[in-house]
Amino acid sequence: TQRQLRVAEVIRRALSDTLARGDVHDDELAHVSITVSEVRVSPDLKHAVAFVLPLGGLNTEGVLKALTRNRHELRREVTKQIDLRFSPELTFQPDTSFDNMDRTRALLDSPAVRRDLDAD
């Protein structure tokens, strides 16, 4: 729904700001730039899944573990910035959209596709 999309965008911005400022006190997250590309919120607005990717895609698993370990602190920081009745429970997933774009780009650049496009 529109409300879910609006809430998800507010949470994404708040989470991005929190991570950019370095409000989370964890050595694994201290010097890592993390992109929050999307947040999906459940219909009841009590659960949010954030799709994240560290800069360059390096140590994604380590960053996900660190974010999961600090999810309560992140939830508290995000809640300070948003105005909702319930503070959503945060979970983190790796963002694979960049990998999908690279695969699509590689497919479009393949000789077979080029040959078909040039035939037109």
Protein backbone atom coordinates (compact mmCIF):
# COMPACT_ATOMS: atom_id res chain seq x y z
CA THR A 1 0.00 0.00 0.00
CA GLN A 2 0.97 3.64 -0.23
CA ARG A 3 1.36 3.83 3.55
CA GLN A 4 3.78 0.88 3.53
CA LEU A 5 5.86 2.55 0.82
CA ARG A 6 5.96 5.89 2.67
CA VAL A 7 6.90 4.26 5.98
CA ALA A 8 9.54 2.12 4.28
CA GLU A 9 11.15 5.21 2.71
CA VAL A 10 11.16 7.06 6.05
CA ILE A 11 12.81 4.06 7.72
CA ARG A 12 15.35 3.77 4.87
CA ARG A 13 16.36 7.41 5.25
CA ALA A 14 16.58 7.20 9.04
CA LEU A 15 18.64 4.01 8.86
CA SER A 16 20.94 5.49 6.22
CA ASP A 17 21.46 8.62 8.32
CA THR A 18 22.17 6.57 11.43
CA LEU A 19 24.75 4.43 9.65
CA ALA A 20 26.34 7.42 7.90
CA ARG A 21 26.78 9.28 11.19
CA GLY A 22 28.29 6.20 12.84
CA ASP A 23 25.87 6.20 15.77
CA VAL A 24 26.32 2.44 16.20
CA HIS A 25 29.29 1.60 18.38
CA ASP A 26 30.69 -1.50 16.71
CA ASP A 27 34.24 -1.90 15.43
CA GLU A 28 33.08 -3.85 12.35
CA LEU A 29 30.73 -1.03 11.33
CA ALA A 30 32.95 1.89 12.34
CA HIS A 31 34.83 2.35 9.07
CA VAL A 32 32.41 0.77 6.59
CA SER A 33 30.21 2.76 4.24
CA ILE A 34 26.89 0.94 3.95
CA THR A 35 24.25 1.54 1.29
CA VAL A 36 20.64 0.96 2.31
CA SER A 37 18.99 0.54 -1.07
CA GLU A 38 15.50 -0.50 -0.03
CA VAL A 39 13.34 -1.22 2.99
CA ARG A 40 10.23 -3.39 2.81
CA VAL A 41 7.66 -3.12 5.56
CA SER A 42 5.04 -5.70 6.55
CA PRO A 43 1.36 -4.71 6.22
CA ASP A 44 1.06 -4.20 9.99
CA LEU A 45 4.21 -1.98 9.94
CA LYS A 46 5.79 -4.01 12.76
CA HIS A 47 8.54 -5.68 10.69
CA ALA A 48 10.97 -4.10 8.26
CA VAL A 49 13.53 -5.80 6.02
CA ALA A 50 16.43 -3.56 5.00
CA PHE A 51 18.43 -4.47 1.90
CA VAL A 52 22.01 -3.34 2.48
CA LEU A 53 25.35 -3.53 0.72
CA PRO A 54 28.74 -2.37 1.99
CA LEU A 55 30.70 -0.11 -0.35
CA GLY A 56 32.29 -2.25 -3.05
CA GLY A 57 30.44 -5.36 -1.83
CA LEU A 58 33.38 -6.30 0.40
CA ASN A 59 32.76 -8.42 3.53
CA THR A 60 29.00 -8.48 3.04
CA GLU A 61 28.47 -11.42 5.41
CA GLY A 62 30.51 -9.78 8.18
CA VAL A 63 28.59 -6.53 7.82
CA LEU A 64 25.24 -8.36 7.88
CA LYS A 65 26.26 -10.18 11.06
CA ALA A 66 27.34 -6.90 12.66
CA LEU A 67 24.08 -5.19 11.68
CA THR A 68 22.06 -8.11 13.03
CA ARG A 69 24.07 -8.06 16.25
CA ASN A 70 23.32 -4.33 16.64
CA ARG A 71 19.72 -4.36 15.41
CA HIS A 72 18.30 -3.31 18.78
CA GLU A 73 20.55 -0.25 18.93
CA LEU A 74 19.72 0.57 15.30
CA ARG A 75 16.02 0.18 16.05
CA ARG A 76 16.32 2.60 18.95
CA GLU A 77 18.19 5.15 16.83
CA VAL A 78 15.71 4.86 13.94
CA THR A 79 12.76 5.18 16.33
CA LYS A 80 14.11 8.51 17.56
CA GLN A 81 13.90 9.86 14.00
CA ILE A 82 10.48 8.57 12.94
CA ASP A 83 6.97 9.06 14.29
CA LEU A 84 5.17 5.73 14.36
CA ARG A 85 2.94 4.02 16.88
CA PHE A 86 5.11 0.90 16.77
CA SER A 87 8.83 0.67 16.30
CA PRO A 88 9.41 -1.91 13.56
CA GLU A 89 11.62 -4.93 14.16
CA LEU A 90 14.58 -4.65 11.78
CA THR A 91 16.11 -7.48 9.81
CA PHE A 92 18.86 -7.19 7.22
CA GLN A 93 19.34 -8.89 3.86
CA PRO A 94 22.09 -8.47 1.26
CA ASP A 95 21.10 -6.35 -1.71
CA THR A 96 21.54 -8.36 -4.90
CA SER A 97 20.05 -5.83 -7.30
CA PHE A 98 23.49 -4.56 -8.34
CA ASP A 99 24.57 -8.12 -9.20
CA ASN A 100 21.39 -8.58 -11.23
CA MET A 101 22.08 -5.37 -13.15
CA ASP A 102 25.62 -6.53 -13.91
CA ARG A 103 24.33 -9.88 -15.20
CA THR A 104 21.74 -8.15 -17.37
CA ARG A 105 24.36 -5.77 -18.75
CA ALA A 106 26.67 -8.72 -19.53
CA LEU A 107 23.85 -10.55 -21.31
CA LEU A 108 23.04 -7.50 -23.41
CA ASP A 109 26.70 -7.14 -24.33
CA SER A 110 27.07 -10.78 -25.35
CA PRO A 111 27.90 -11.50 -29.02
CA ALA A 112 24.67 -13.45 -29.61
CA VAL A 113 22.48 -10.56 -28.47
CA ARG A 114 24.61 -8.04 -30.37
CA ARG A 115 24.20 -10.14 -33.53
CA ASP A 116 20.41 -10.23 -33.09
CA LEU A 117 20.23 -6.49 -32.46
CA ASP A 118 22.42 -5.69 -35.46
CA ALA A 119 20.19 -7.83 -37.69
CA ASP A 120 17.34 -5.38 -37.12
